[in-house]
Amino acid sequence: MRTPRTPRTATTAAVAVAALALTVGGCSSSGGKSSEDKGSAPAGGGAAVTTPRLKIAMVTHSGEGDTFWDIVQSGAKQAAAKDNVDFLYSASKEGQQQAQLVQAAIDQKVDGLIVTLAKPEAVKDVVKKAVAAGIPVVTINSGADFSRAVGALGHIGQDEGVAGEAVGEELSGRGRKKVLCVIHEQGNVSLEQRCAGVKKTFKGSVENLNVDGTNTPAATSSVEAKLQSARDIDAVVTLGAPMAAAAVKAKADANSAAEVDTFDLNAAVVKQFKAQQIGFAVDQQPYLQGYLAVDELWLNKTNGDVIGGGRPVLTGPAIVTAKDAPTLEKYTARGTR
C-alpha cells in the first residue's frame, strides 16, 4: 500500500480501530441500540460508555446498490455501539431529496448530523439550518471545500484532487497513453474533482464519460461502446468500486486491451485483483469516515472536542494493488475495508 502526498492544510487521521465485531448495515439503522442491548463491547474493548444516549443521523448522496456506503455504515454503527448512540441512516442521490432528508433529521431533533456535500448547492441551506438550530454537523466524503462555509465542525475524507493526481501519476508510471474516466453520478463535485486530478498529472490524454451508476447494464453498454469506438484507450478509471465490475465486463465484451483501475475498495475489487482484472485501486478507508464522524459528534457533545481542530481529517488516498490483496481480503470480507 502506498500513500500519496497530502496537502499541508489538512490533518491526517492516525487511528487504530481494533476488535471489530461487525454486521454490514442496510439502508436504515438504529445500530447502536441493538448492539448495546446485547452487551457487545466497543471497538477498543471494555465496557460501553455511560454518557447520555444520543441520536445521530447520517444523510448521504448514495445511490442504490453502492457497497461503499455499507462500509461507511459499518464504521458508524461500531462507533455508535461504543458511544451509546442511536444511529439513523438515510440517503438519496438526488440533491433535493437529500435536502429533505436532512430536514427530516432536524425535525427529529437529532443530537448530531453527518452529511455529504456531493451536491452542495442543493443541501447547503438546510445544513446551515441544522447548525442554526444548535445541531453539530460533521461533513464526510465529499464537498470538503464547502464544509466550513456551512458551519460544520470539520470534514472527514480524502482530498479528491490529490487522489486524482495520485492516479494520474500511477497511470503515467504504468506507461498508459489514453484514459477514459467514468463518472457514475453527473453533478457530483467530488467525482469531477477526481477526474480533474487525473488530468492534471497524467502525461497522456483523459476523456470523461458520464454514465448512470444506478443502471449497471446501461453503464456497462456505454463503456463498451466507447471502448469499441476508441481502440486507443488503454486505461479505464472508474470512480467507485461497483462500477469497476461493469468496466471489467465492458472491456471483455469490447475485446479491449485497456487496463481497468478504480477508486474505492470492496470485496469484489480484491477478487478482481487476484484474477488480474484490475490493476490498482484508490482506498479512502470509508469505514474510518463513518467511525470518526460518529465519534467526533459524541466527543463534541460530551467533551467539547473537535477532531483535527476543525481542519480536514484525511482518511486517504492510498494506492493498493494485487500484492495487498492477501492482507485486505479478511477486512473486505467482514465489511470494514
C-alpha atoms as a PDB file:
ATOM      1  CA  MET A   1       0.000   0.000   0.000  1.00  0.00           C
ATOM      2  CA  ARG A   2       1.356   3.419  -0.961  1.00  0.00           C
ATOM      3  CA  THR A   3       0.052   6.694   0.422  1.00  0.00           C
ATOM      4  CA  PRO A   4       0.453   9.680  -1.930  1.00  0.00           C
ATOM      5  CA  ARG A   5       1.387  13.154  -0.772  1.00  0.00           C
ATOM      6  CA  THR A   6      -1.271  15.186   1.020  1.00  0.00           C
ATOM      7  CA  PRO A   7      -1.781  18.948   1.331  1.00  0.00           C
ATOM      8  CA  ARG A   8      -0.216  20.752   4.272  1.00  0.00           C
ATOM      9  CA  THR A   9      -3.553  22.372   5.125  1.00  0.00           C
ATOM     10  CA  ALA A  10      -5.082  19.039   6.132  1.00  0.00           C
ATOM     11  CA  THR A  11      -4.735  16.786   9.167  1.00  0.00           C
ATOM     12  CA  THR A  12      -4.065  13.091   8.540  1.00  0.00           C
ATOM     13  CA  ALA A  13      -6.164  10.637  10.549  1.00  0.00           C
ATOM     14  CA  ALA A  14      -3.994   8.328  12.635  1.00  0.00           C
ATOM     15  CA  VAL A  15      -6.458   5.953  14.270  1.00  0.00           C
ATOM     16  CA  ALA A  16      -6.127   2.301  15.224  1.00  0.00           C
ATOM     17  CA  VAL A  17      -9.525   0.579  15.278  1.00  0.00           C
ATOM     18  CA  ALA A  18      -9.358  -2.899  16.793  1.00  0.00           C
ATOM     19  CA  ALA A  19     -11.611  -5.783  17.856  1.00  0.00           C
ATOM     20  CA  LEU A  20     -14.174  -5.228  15.128  1.00  0.00           C
ATOM     21  CA  ALA A  21     -17.334  -7.324  15.560  1.00  0.00           C
ATOM     22  CA  LEU A  22     -19.457  -6.058  12.710  1.00  0.00           C
ATOM     23  CA  THR A  23     -22.573  -6.675  10.685  1.00  0.00           C
ATOM     24  CA  VAL A  24     -22.790  -4.760   7.417  1.00  0.00           C
ATOM     25  CA  GLY A  25     -25.815  -2.476   7.552  1.00  0.00           C
ATOM     26  CA  GLY A  26     -28.678  -1.864   5.175  1.00  0.00           C
ATOM     27  CA  CYS A  27     -30.174   1.460   4.164  1.00  0.00           C
ATOM     28  CA  SER A  28     -31.660   2.332   7.544  1.00  0.00           C
ATOM     29  CA  SER A  29     -30.489   1.513  11.035  1.00  0.00           C
ATOM     30  CA  SER A  30     -30.561   2.342  14.701  1.00  0.00           C
ATOM     31  CA  GLY A  31     -27.357   0.318  15.055  1.00  0.00           C
ATOM     32  CA  GLY A  32     -26.057   1.318  18.474  1.00  0.00           C
ATOM     33  CA  LYS A  33     -29.168   0.317  20.422  1.00  0.00           C
ATOM     34  CA  SER A  34     -29.327  -3.332  19.425  1.00  0.00           C
ATOM     35  CA  SER A  35     -25.606  -3.765  19.979  1.00  0.00           C
ATOM     36  CA  GLU A  36     -25.840  -2.185  23.405  1.00  0.00           C
ATOM     37  CA  ASP A  37     -28.794  -4.363  24.391  1.00  0.00           C
ATOM     38  CA  LYS A  38     -26.753  -7.445  23.502  1.00  0.00           C
ATOM     39  CA  GLY A  39     -23.901  -6.201  25.661  1.00  0.00           C
ATOM     40  CA  SER A  40     -21.331  -6.008  22.869  1.00  0.00           C
ATOM     41  CA  ALA A  41     -18.055  -4.278  23.606  1.00  0.00           C
ATOM     42  CA  PRO A  42     -16.892  -1.120  21.881  1.00  0.00           C
ATOM     43  CA  ALA A  43     -14.091  -1.130  19.328  1.00  0.00           C
ATOM     44  CA  GLY A  44     -11.384  -0.651  21.911  1.00  0.00           C
ATOM     45  CA  GLY A  45     -12.721  -3.344  24.269  1.00  0.00           C
ATOM     46  CA  GLY A  46     -14.064  -2.843  27.783  1.00  0.00           C
ATOM     47  CA  ALA A  47     -17.468  -1.601  28.859  1.00  0.00           C
ATOM     48  CA  ALA A  48     -19.673   0.730  26.842  1.00  0.00           C
ATOM     49  CA  VAL A  49     -19.684   4.407  27.786  1.00  0.00           C
ATOM     50  CA  THR A  50     -22.019   5.749  30.435  1.00  0.00           C
ATOM     51  CA  THR A  51     -22.686   9.107  28.786  1.00  0.00           C
ATOM     52  CA  PRO A  52     -26.318  10.051  27.990  1.00  0.00           C
ATOM     53  CA  ARG A  53     -27.845   8.329  24.968  1.00  0.00           C
ATOM     54  CA  LEU A  54     -27.580  10.427  21.813  1.00  0.00           C
ATOM     55  CA  LYS A  55     -29.343  10.297  18.455  1.00  0.00           C
ATOM     56  CA  ILE A  56     -27.088  10.876  15.429  1.00  0.00           C
ATOM     57  CA  ALA A  57     -28.294  10.931  11.814  1.00  0.00           C
ATOM     58  CA  MET A  58     -26.238  10.363   8.689  1.00  0.00           C
ATOM     59  CA  VAL A  59     -27.642  11.604   5.362  1.00  0.00           C
ATOM     60  CA  THR A  60     -25.641  10.775   2.235  1.00  0.00           C
ATOM     61  CA  HIS A  61     -25.909  11.060  -1.544  1.00  0.00           C
ATOM     62  CA  SER A  62     -25.662   7.302  -2.086  1.00  0.00           C
ATOM     63  CA  GLY A  63     -27.483   5.660  -4.939  1.00  0.00           C
ATOM     64  CA  GLU A  64     -28.976   2.181  -4.716  1.00  0.00           C
ATOM     65  CA  GLY A  65     -26.531  -0.711  -4.637  1.00  0.00           C
ATOM     66  CA  ASP A  66     -23.406   1.286  -3.784  1.00  0.00           C
ATOM     67  CA  THR A  67     -21.461  -1.002  -1.435  1.00  0.00           C
ATOM     68  CA  PHE A  68     -19.179   1.878  -0.431  1.00  0.00           C
ATOM     69  CA  TRP A  69     -21.877   3.184   1.892  1.00  0.00           C
ATOM     70  CA  ASP A  70     -22.339  -0.207   3.528  1.00  0.00           C
ATOM     71  CA  ILE A  71     -18.715   0.099   4.670  1.00  0.00           C
ATOM     72  CA  VAL A  72     -19.248   3.674   5.896  1.00  0.00           C
ATOM     73  CA  GLN A  73     -22.255   2.467   7.883  1.00  0.00           C
ATOM     74  CA  SER A  74     -20.236  -0.392   9.367  1.00  0.00           C
ATOM     75  CA  GLY A  75     -17.835   2.110  10.879  1.00  0.00           C
ATOM     76  CA  ALA A  76     -20.608   4.410  12.052  1.00  0.00           C
ATOM     77  CA  LYS A  77     -22.523   1.565  13.699  1.00  0.00           C
ATOM     78  CA  GLN A  78     -19.464   0.292  15.542  1.00  0.00           C
ATOM     79  CA  ALA A  79     -18.769   3.763  16.929  1.00  0.00           C
ATOM     80  CA  ALA A  80     -22.467   4.142  17.794  1.00  0.00           C
ATOM     81  CA  ALA A  81     -22.417   0.874  19.752  1.00  0.00           C
ATOM     82  CA  LYS A  82     -19.396   2.088  21.690  1.00  0.00           C
ATOM     83  CA  ASP A  83     -20.715   5.611  22.270  1.00  0.00           C
ATOM     84  CA  ASN A  84     -24.290   4.795  23.390  1.00  0.00           C
ATOM     85  CA  VAL A  85     -25.754   6.320  20.218  1.00  0.00           C
ATOM     86  CA  ASP A  86     -28.912   5.653  18.207  1.00  0.00           C
ATOM     87  CA  PHE A  87     -27.652   5.780  14.606  1.00  0.00           C
ATOM     88  CA  LEU A  88     -30.103   6.743  11.845  1.00  0.00           C
ATOM     89  CA  TYR A  89     -29.199   6.441   8.179  1.00  0.00           C
ATOM     90  CA  SER A  90     -30.898   7.751   5.049  1.00  0.00           C
ATOM     91  CA  ALA A  91     -29.743   8.592   1.536  1.00  0.00           C
ATOM     92  CA  SER A  92     -30.727   9.913  -1.873  1.00  0.00           C
ATOM     93  CA  LYS A  93     -28.633  10.562  -4.958  1.00  0.00           C
ATOM     94  CA  GLU A  94     -30.945  13.479  -5.805  1.00  0.00           C
ATOM     95  CA  GLY A  95     -29.835  16.721  -4.186  1.00  0.00           C
ATOM     96  CA  GLN A  96     -33.339  18.000  -3.379  1.00  0.00           C
ATOM     97  CA  GLN A  97     -34.352  14.705  -1.794  1.00  0.00           C
ATOM     98  CA  GLN A  98     -31.148  14.624   0.238  1.00  0.00           C
ATOM     99  CA  ALA A  99     -32.008  18.114   1.499  1.00  0.00           C
ATOM    100  CA  GLN A 100     -35.469  16.866   2.511  1.00  0.00           C
ATOM    101  CA  LEU A 101     -33.873  14.019   4.447  1.00  0.00           C
ATOM    102  CA  VAL A 102     -31.651  16.492   6.294  1.00  0.00           C
ATOM    103  CA  GLN A 103     -34.772  18.489   7.168  1.00  0.00           C
ATOM    104  CA  ALA A 104     -36.379  15.301   8.473  1.00  0.00           C
ATOM    105  CA  ALA A 105     -33.369  14.776  10.754  1.00  0.00           C
ATOM    106  CA  ILE A 106     -33.723  18.341  12.037  1.00  0.00           C
ATOM    107  CA  ASP A 107     -37.417  17.710  12.700  1.00  0.00           C
ATOM    108  CA  GLN A 108     -36.467  14.622  14.732  1.00  0.00           C
ATOM    109  CA  LYS A 109     -34.278  16.869  16.899  1.00  0.00           C
ATOM    110  CA  VAL A 110     -31.191  14.736  16.458  1.00  0.00           C
ATOM    111  CA  ASP A 111     -28.173  15.422  18.658  1.00  0.00           C
ATOM    112  CA  GLY A 112     -25.769  15.402  15.733  1.00  0.00           C
ATOM    113  CA  LEU A 113     -25.754  15.261  11.950  1.00  0.00           C
ATOM    114  CA  ILE A 114     -23.343  13.670   9.485  1.00  0.00           C
ATOM    115  CA  VAL A 115     -23.843  14.770   5.881  1.00  0.00           C
ATOM    116  CA  THR A 116     -22.164  14.551   2.484  1.00  0.00           C
ATOM    117  CA  LEU A 117     -21.865  17.591   0.238  1.00  0.00           C
ATOM    118  CA  ALA A 118     -21.623  15.932  -3.171  1.00  0.00           C
ATOM    119  CA  LYS A 119     -24.189  18.451  -4.463  1.00  0.00           C
ATOM    120  CA  PRO A 120     -23.544  21.407  -2.164  1.00  0.00           C
ATOM    121  CA  GLU A 121     -25.875  23.873  -3.856  1.00  0.00           C
ATOM    122  CA  ALA A 122     -28.830  21.594  -3.138  1.00  0.00           C
ATOM    123  CA  VAL A 123     -28.113  20.908   0.539  1.00  0.00           C
ATOM    124  CA  LYS A 124     -26.049  23.807   1.899  1.00  0.00           C
ATOM    125  CA  ASP A 125     -29.009  25.913   3.081  1.00  0.00           C
ATOM    126  CA  VAL A 126     -30.659  23.120   5.048  1.00  0.00           C
ATOM    127  CA  VAL A 127     -27.331  22.138   6.605  1.00  0.00           C
ATOM    128  CA  LYS A 128     -26.876  25.736   7.728  1.00  0.00           C
ATOM    129  CA  LYS A 129     -30.391  25.493   9.167  1.00  0.00           C
ATOM    130  CA  ALA A 130     -29.315  22.474  11.234  1.00  0.00           C
ATOM    131  CA  VAL A 131     -26.321  24.380  12.589  1.00  0.00           C
ATOM    132  CA  ALA A 132     -28.546  27.371  13.416  1.00  0.00           C
ATOM    133  CA  ALA A 133     -30.828  25.010  15.329  1.00  0.00           C
ATOM    134  CA  GLY A 134     -27.895  24.008  17.529  1.00  0.00           C
ATOM    135  CA  ILE A 135     -27.227  20.640  15.880  1.00  0.00           C
ATOM    136  CA  PRO A 136     -23.476  19.993  15.443  1.00  0.00           C
ATOM    137  CA  VAL A 137     -22.623  18.867  11.917  1.00  0.00           C
ATOM    138  CA  VAL A 138     -19.710  16.856  10.529  1.00  0.00           C
ATOM    139  CA  THR A 139     -19.318  16.509   6.760  1.00  0.00           C
ATOM    140  CA  ILE A 140     -17.785  13.374   5.289  1.00  0.00           C
ATOM    141  CA  ASN A 141     -16.567  12.006   1.975  1.00  0.00           C
ATOM    142  CA  SER A 142     -17.442  14.825  -0.418  1.00  0.00           C
ATOM    143  CA  GLY A 143     -17.573  18.601  -0.550  1.00  0.00           C
ATOM    144  CA  ALA A 144     -14.651  19.354   1.760  1.00  0.00           C
ATOM    145  CA  ASP A 145     -14.284  22.800   0.177  1.00  0.00           C
ATOM    146  CA  PHE A 146     -17.814  23.697   1.333  1.00  0.00           C
ATOM    147  CA  SER A 147     -17.666  22.231   4.836  1.00  0.00           C
ATOM    148  CA  ARG A 148     -16.535  25.315   6.721  1.00  0.00           C
ATOM    149  CA  ALA A 149     -18.982  27.557   4.848  1.00  0.00           C
ATOM    150  CA  VAL A 150     -21.997  25.559   6.061  1.00  0.00           C
ATOM    151  CA  GLY A 151     -20.771  25.715   9.654  1.00  0.00           C
ATOM    152  CA  ALA A 152     -19.605  22.125  10.082  1.00  0.00           C
ATOM    153  CA  LEU A 153     -17.215  21.178  12.893  1.00  0.00           C
ATOM    154  CA  GLY A 154     -14.957  19.666  10.254  1.00  0.00           C
ATOM    155  CA  HIS A 155     -14.668  17.304   7.307  1.00  0.00           C
ATOM    156  CA  ILE A 156     -13.549  13.662   7.259  1.00  0.00           C
ATOM    157  CA  GLY A 157     -12.477  12.031   3.986  1.00  0.00           C
ATOM    158  CA  GLN A 158      -9.821  12.216   1.324  1.00  0.00           C
ATOM    159  CA  ASP A 159      -8.705  15.191  -0.739  1.00  0.00           C
ATOM    160  CA  GLU A 160     -10.310  14.261  -4.062  1.00  0.00           C
ATOM    161  CA  GLY A 161      -7.958  16.370  -6.148  1.00  0.00           C
ATOM    162  CA  VAL A 162      -4.896  14.816  -4.516  1.00  0.00           C
ATOM    163  CA  ALA A 163      -6.402  11.349  -5.022  1.00  0.00           C
ATOM    164  CA  GLY A 164      -6.947  12.058  -8.707  1.00  0.00           C
ATOM    165  CA  GLU A 165      -3.406  13.364  -9.079  1.00  0.00           C
ATOM    166  CA  ALA A 166      -2.074  10.163  -7.497  1.00  0.00           C
ATOM    167  CA  VAL A 167      -3.994   8.135 -10.086  1.00  0.00           C
ATOM    168  CA  GLY A 168      -2.617  10.251 -12.929  1.00  0.00           C
ATOM    169  CA  GLU A 169       0.916   9.710 -11.684  1.00  0.00           C
ATOM    170  CA  GLU A 170       0.331   5.961 -11.271  1.00  0.00           C
ATOM    171  CA  LEU A 171      -1.059   5.637 -14.803  1.00  0.00           C
ATOM    172  CA  SER A 172       1.861   7.598 -16.252  1.00  0.00           C
ATOM    173  CA  GLY A 173       4.250   5.319 -14.397  1.00  0.00           C
ATOM    174  CA  ARG A 174       2.490   2.334 -15.968  1.00  0.00           C
ATOM    175  CA  GLY A 175       3.068   3.769 -19.433  1.00  0.00           C
ATOM    176  CA  ARG A 176      -0.577   4.455 -20.270  1.00  0.00           C
ATOM    177  CA  LYS A 177      -1.368   6.976 -23.005  1.00  0.00           C
ATOM    178  CA  LYS A 178      -5.148   7.478 -23.142  1.00  0.00           C
ATOM    179  CA  VAL A 179      -7.532   7.250 -20.193  1.00  0.00           C
ATOM    180  CA  LEU A 180     -11.308   7.025 -20.016  1.00  0.00           C
ATOM    181  CA  CYS A 181     -12.547   8.451 -16.687  1.00  0.00           C
ATOM    182  CA  VAL A 182     -16.052   7.128 -15.971  1.00  0.00           C
ATOM    183  CA  ILE A 183     -18.259   9.468 -13.898  1.00  0.00           C
ATOM    184  CA  HIS A 184     -21.157   7.432 -12.497  1.00  0.00           C
ATOM    185  CA  GLU A 185     -23.105  10.356 -10.970  1.00  0.00           C
ATOM    186  CA  GLN A 186     -23.332  13.530 -13.019  1.00  0.00           C
ATOM    187  CA  GLY A 187     -23.082  16.737 -10.980  1.00  0.00           C
ATOM    188  CA  ASN A 188     -21.207  15.138  -8.076  1.00  0.00           C
ATOM    189  CA  VAL A 189     -18.405  17.638  -7.363  1.00  0.00           C
ATOM    190  CA  SER A 190     -16.131  15.024  -5.787  1.00  0.00           C
ATOM    191  CA  LEU A 191     -16.229  12.768  -8.837  1.00  0.00           C
ATOM    192  CA  GLU A 192     -15.474  15.700 -11.101  1.00  0.00           C
ATOM    193  CA  GLN A 193     -12.520  16.622  -8.867  1.00  0.00           C
ATOM    194  CA  ARG A 194     -11.152  13.107  -9.190  1.00  0.00           C
ATOM    195  CA  CYS A 195     -11.151  13.174 -12.985  1.00  0.00           C
ATOM    196  CA  ALA A 196      -9.697  16.695 -12.959  1.00  0.00           C
ATOM    197  CA  GLY A 197      -6.900  15.469 -10.703  1.00  0.00           C
ATOM    198  CA  VAL A 198      -6.134  12.590 -13.071  1.00  0.00           C
ATOM    199  CA  LYS A 199      -5.965  15.014 -15.975  1.00  0.00           C
ATOM    200  CA  LYS A 200      -3.644  17.344 -14.040  1.00  0.00           C
ATOM    201  CA  THR A 201      -0.822  14.833 -13.586  1.00  0.00           C
ATOM    202  CA  PHE A 202      -1.366  12.259 -16.344  1.00  0.00           C
ATOM    203  CA  LYS A 203       1.134  12.621 -19.187  1.00  0.00           C
ATOM    204  CA  GLY A 204      -1.326  11.374 -21.801  1.00  0.00           C
ATOM    205  CA  SER A 205      -4.918  12.351 -22.628  1.00  0.00           C
ATOM    206  CA  VAL A 206      -8.003  11.958 -20.442  1.00  0.00           C
ATOM    207  CA  GLU A 207     -11.631  11.802 -21.612  1.00  0.00           C
ATOM    208  CA  ASN A 208     -14.591  11.828 -19.228  1.00  0.00           C
ATOM    209  CA  LEU A 209     -17.644   9.627 -19.779  1.00  0.00           C
ATOM    210  CA  ASN A 210     -20.862  10.226 -17.826  1.00  0.00           C
ATOM    211  CA  VAL A 211     -22.983   7.152 -17.068  1.00  0.00           C
ATOM    212  CA  ASP A 212     -25.851   6.328 -14.718  1.00  0.00           C
ATOM    213  CA  GLY A 213     -24.290   4.355 -11.890  1.00  0.00           C
ATOM    214  CA  THR A 214     -27.683   3.121 -10.685  1.00  0.00           C
ATOM    215  CA  ASN A 215     -28.323   1.413 -14.046  1.00  0.00           C
ATOM    216  CA  THR A 216     -25.454  -1.057 -14.341  1.00  0.00           C
ATOM    217  CA  PRO A 217     -26.463  -2.648 -17.685  1.00  0.00           C
ATOM    218  CA  ALA A 218     -26.753   0.770 -19.353  1.00  0.00           C
ATOM    219  CA  ALA A 219     -23.487   1.962 -17.800  1.00  0.00           C
ATOM    220  CA  THR A 220     -21.721  -1.197 -18.972  1.00  0.00           C
ATOM    221  CA  SER A 221     -23.036  -0.710 -22.506  1.00  0.00           C
ATOM    222  CA  SER A 222     -21.858   2.906 -22.560  1.00  0.00           C
ATOM    223  CA  VAL A 223     -18.323   1.957 -21.540  1.00  0.00           C
ATOM    224  CA  GLU A 224     -18.289  -0.939 -24.000  1.00  0.00           C
ATOM    225  CA  ALA A 225     -19.403   1.332 -26.866  1.00  0.00           C
ATOM    226  CA  LYS A 226     -16.669   3.825 -26.042  1.00  0.00           C
ATOM    227  CA  LEU A 227     -14.008   1.140 -25.958  1.00  0.00           C
ATOM    228  CA  GLN A 228     -15.195  -0.200 -29.301  1.00  0.00           C
ATOM    229  CA  SER A 229     -15.150   3.211 -30.971  1.00  0.00           C
ATOM    230  CA  ALA A 230     -11.825   4.355 -29.469  1.00  0.00           C
ATOM    231  CA  ARG A 231      -9.457   1.403 -29.661  1.00  0.00           C
ATOM    232  CA  ASP A 232      -6.540   3.536 -28.465  1.00  0.00           C
ATOM    233  CA  ILE A 233      -7.963   3.831 -24.929  1.00  0.00           C
ATOM    234  CA  ASP A 234      -5.507   1.853 -22.829  1.00  0.00           C
ATOM    235  CA  ALA A 235      -6.878   2.577 -19.354  1.00  0.00           C
ATOM    236  CA  VAL A 236     -10.352   2.876 -17.837  1.00  0.00           C
ATOM    237  CA  VAL A 237     -10.656   4.591 -14.465  1.00  0.00           C
ATOM    238  CA  THR A 238     -13.897   4.076 -12.563  1.00  0.00           C
ATOM    239  CA  LEU A 239     -14.747   6.291  -9.602  1.00  0.00           C
ATOM    240  CA  GLY A 240     -16.433   3.705  -7.405  1.00  0.00           C
ATOM    241  CA  ALA A 241     -15.902   0.007  -6.717  1.00  0.00           C
ATOM    242  CA  PRO A 242     -19.297  -1.185  -8.070  1.00  0.00           C
ATOM    243  CA  MET A 243     -18.540   0.450 -11.410  1.00  0.00           C
ATOM    244  CA  ALA A 244     -15.238  -1.432 -11.650  1.00  0.00           C
ATOM    245  CA  ALA A 245     -17.072  -4.706 -12.265  1.00  0.00           C
ATOM    246  CA  ALA A 246     -19.087  -3.038 -15.026  1.00  0.00           C
ATOM    247  CA  ALA A 247     -15.884  -1.771 -16.644  1.00  0.00           C
ATOM    248  CA  VAL A 248     -14.295  -5.234 -16.454  1.00  0.00           C
ATOM    249  CA  LYS A 249     -17.296  -6.715 -18.279  1.00  0.00           C
ATOM    250  CA  ALA A 250     -17.347  -3.871 -20.818  1.00  0.00           C
ATOM    251  CA  LYS A 251     -13.661  -4.420 -21.542  1.00  0.00           C
ATOM    252  CA  ALA A 252     -14.229  -8.130 -22.163  1.00  0.00           C
ATOM    253  CA  ASP A 253     -17.287  -7.542 -24.359  1.00  0.00           C
ATOM    254  CA  ALA A 254     -15.428  -4.911 -26.392  1.00  0.00           C
ATOM    255  CA  ASN A 255     -12.372  -7.162 -26.702  1.00  0.00           C
ATOM    256  CA  SER A 256     -10.306  -4.244 -25.416  1.00  0.00           C
ATOM    257  CA  ALA A 257      -6.771  -4.423 -24.033  1.00  0.00           C
ATOM    258  CA  ALA A 258      -7.332  -1.450 -21.724  1.00  0.00           C
ATOM    259  CA  GLU A 259      -6.339  -1.746 -18.068  1.00  0.00           C
ATOM    260  CA  VAL A 260      -9.175  -1.207 -15.583  1.00  0.00           C
ATOM    261  CA  ASP A 261      -8.381   0.734 -12.406  1.00  0.00           C
ATOM    262  CA  THR A 262     -10.727   2.130  -9.799  1.00  0.00           C
ATOM    263  CA  PHE A 263     -11.302   4.424  -6.892  1.00  0.00           C
ATOM    264  CA  ASP A 264     -12.527   2.728  -3.717  1.00  0.00           C
ATOM    265  CA  LEU A 265     -12.327  -0.803  -2.477  1.00  0.00           C
ATOM    266  CA  ASN A 266     -14.640  -3.698  -1.653  1.00  0.00           C
ATOM    267  CA  ALA A 267     -14.541  -7.482  -1.567  1.00  0.00           C
ATOM    268  CA  ALA A 268     -15.246  -7.740  -5.306  1.00  0.00           C
ATOM    269  CA  VAL A 269     -12.293  -5.499  -6.158  1.00  0.00           C
ATOM    270  CA  VAL A 270      -9.961  -7.661  -4.068  1.00  0.00           C
ATOM    271  CA  LYS A 271     -11.166 -10.733  -6.002  1.00  0.00           C
ATOM    272  CA  GLN A 272     -10.590  -8.838  -9.253  1.00  0.00           C
ATOM    273  CA  PHE A 273      -7.026  -8.100  -8.109  1.00  0.00           C
ATOM    274  CA  LYS A 274      -6.432 -11.812  -7.656  1.00  0.00           C
ATOM    275  CA  ALA A 275      -7.926 -12.528 -11.084  1.00  0.00           C
ATOM    276  CA  GLN A 276      -5.697  -9.803 -12.596  1.00  0.00           C
ATOM    277  CA  GLN A 277      -8.760  -7.955 -13.878  1.00  0.00           C
ATOM    278  CA  ILE A 278      -7.922  -4.678 -12.079  1.00  0.00           C
ATOM    279  CA  GLY A 279      -4.535  -3.002 -11.951  1.00  0.00           C
ATOM    280  CA  PHE A 280      -4.870  -0.857  -8.829  1.00  0.00           C
ATOM    281  CA  ALA A 281      -7.420   0.850  -6.586  1.00  0.00           C
ATOM    282  CA  VAL A 282      -7.516   4.035  -4.510  1.00  0.00           C
ATOM    283  CA  ASP A 283      -8.536   3.318  -0.925  1.00  0.00           C
ATOM    284  CA  GLN A 284     -10.037   6.208   1.066  1.00  0.00           C
ATOM    285  CA  GLN A 285     -10.971   3.979   4.037  1.00  0.00           C
ATOM    286  CA  PRO A 286     -14.740   4.553   4.198  1.00  0.00           C
ATOM    287  CA  TYR A 287     -15.006   2.621   7.469  1.00  0.00           C
ATOM    288  CA  LEU A 288     -12.959   5.366   9.120  1.00  0.00           C
ATOM    289  CA  GLN A 289     -15.191   8.065   7.667  1.00  0.00           C
ATOM    290  CA  GLY A 290     -18.254   6.605   9.381  1.00  0.00           C
ATOM    291  CA  TYR A 291     -16.483   5.691  12.609  1.00  0.00           C
ATOM    292  CA  LEU A 292     -14.689   9.005  13.093  1.00  0.00           C
ATOM    293  CA  ALA A 293     -17.754  11.076  12.227  1.00  0.00           C
ATOM    294  CA  VAL A 294     -19.902   9.444  14.924  1.00  0.00           C
ATOM    295  CA  ASP A 295     -17.021   9.576  17.367  1.00  0.00           C
ATOM    296  CA  GLU A 296     -16.391  13.263  16.687  1.00  0.00           C
ATOM    297  CA  LEU A 297     -20.021  14.183  17.341  1.00  0.00           C
ATOM    298  CA  TRP A 298     -20.058  12.127  20.547  1.00  0.00           C
ATOM    299  CA  LEU A 299     -16.787  13.705  21.716  1.00  0.00           C
ATOM    300  CA  ASN A 300     -18.075  17.162  20.865  1.00  0.00           C
ATOM    301  CA  LYS A 301     -21.330  16.664  22.754  1.00  0.00           C
ATOM    302  CA  THR A 302     -19.746  15.049  25.813  1.00  0.00           C
ATOM    303  CA  ASN A 303     -16.349  16.773  25.990  1.00  0.00           C
ATOM    304  CA  GLY A 304     -16.361  19.768  23.628  1.00  0.00           C
ATOM    305  CA  ASP A 305     -13.733  18.163  21.373  1.00  0.00           C
ATOM    306  CA  VAL A 306     -13.188  18.874  17.670  1.00  0.00           C
ATOM    307  CA  ILE A 307     -11.065  16.294  15.843  1.00  0.00           C
ATOM    308  CA  GLY A 308      -8.320  17.941  13.808  1.00  0.00           C
ATOM    309  CA  GLY A 309      -9.093  21.362  15.256  1.00  0.00           C
ATOM    310  CA  GLY A 310     -11.676  21.938  12.541  1.00  0.00           C
ATOM    311  CA  ARG A 311      -9.289  21.237   9.675  1.00  0.00           C
ATOM    312  CA  PRO A 312      -9.949  18.362   7.230  1.00  0.00           C
ATOM    313  CA  VAL A 313      -9.097  14.944   8.627  1.00  0.00           C
ATOM    314  CA  LEU A 314      -7.769  12.749   5.833  1.00  0.00           C
ATOM    315  CA  THR A 315      -8.593   9.047   5.570  1.00  0.00           C
ATOM    316  CA  GLY A 316      -6.845   8.595   2.213  1.00  0.00           C
ATOM    317  CA  PRO A 317      -5.825   8.224  -0.507  1.00  0.00           C
ATOM    318  CA  ALA A 318      -3.667   5.103  -0.630  1.00  0.00           C
ATOM    319  CA  ILE A 319      -2.854   3.111  -3.769  1.00  0.00           C
ATOM    320  CA  VAL A 320      -3.470  -0.626  -3.337  1.00  0.00           C
ATOM    321  CA  THR A 321      -2.606  -3.391  -5.798  1.00  0.00           C
ATOM    322  CA  ALA A 322      -2.740  -7.157  -6.119  1.00  0.00           C
ATOM    323  CA  LYS A 323       0.170  -7.536  -3.692  1.00  0.00           C
ATOM    324  CA  ASP A 324      -2.030  -6.033  -0.960  1.00  0.00           C
ATOM    325  CA  ALA A 325      -4.878  -8.482  -1.614  1.00  0.00           C
ATOM    326  CA  PRO A 326      -3.873 -11.123   0.998  1.00  0.00           C
ATOM    327  CA  THR A 327      -3.928  -8.501   3.758  1.00  0.00           C
ATOM    328  CA  LEU A 328      -7.080  -6.762   2.557  1.00  0.00           C
ATOM    329  CA  GLU A 329      -9.129  -9.892   1.885  1.00  0.00           C
ATOM    330  CA  LYS A 330     -10.054 -10.620   5.502  1.00  0.00           C
ATOM    331  CA  TYR A 331     -11.068  -6.996   6.086  1.00  0.00           C
ATOM    332  CA  THR A 332     -13.195  -6.667   2.962  1.00  0.00           C
ATOM    333  CA  ALA A 333     -14.896  -9.969   3.796  1.00  0.00           C
ATOM    334  CA  ARG A 334     -16.217  -8.504   7.043  1.00  0.00           C
ATOM    335  CA  GLY A 335     -17.185  -5.174   5.503  1.00  0.00           C
ATOM    336  CA  THR A 336     -14.576  -2.907   7.063  1.00  0.00           C
ATOM    337  CA  ARG A 337     -12.412  -2.101   4.002  1.00  0.00           C
END
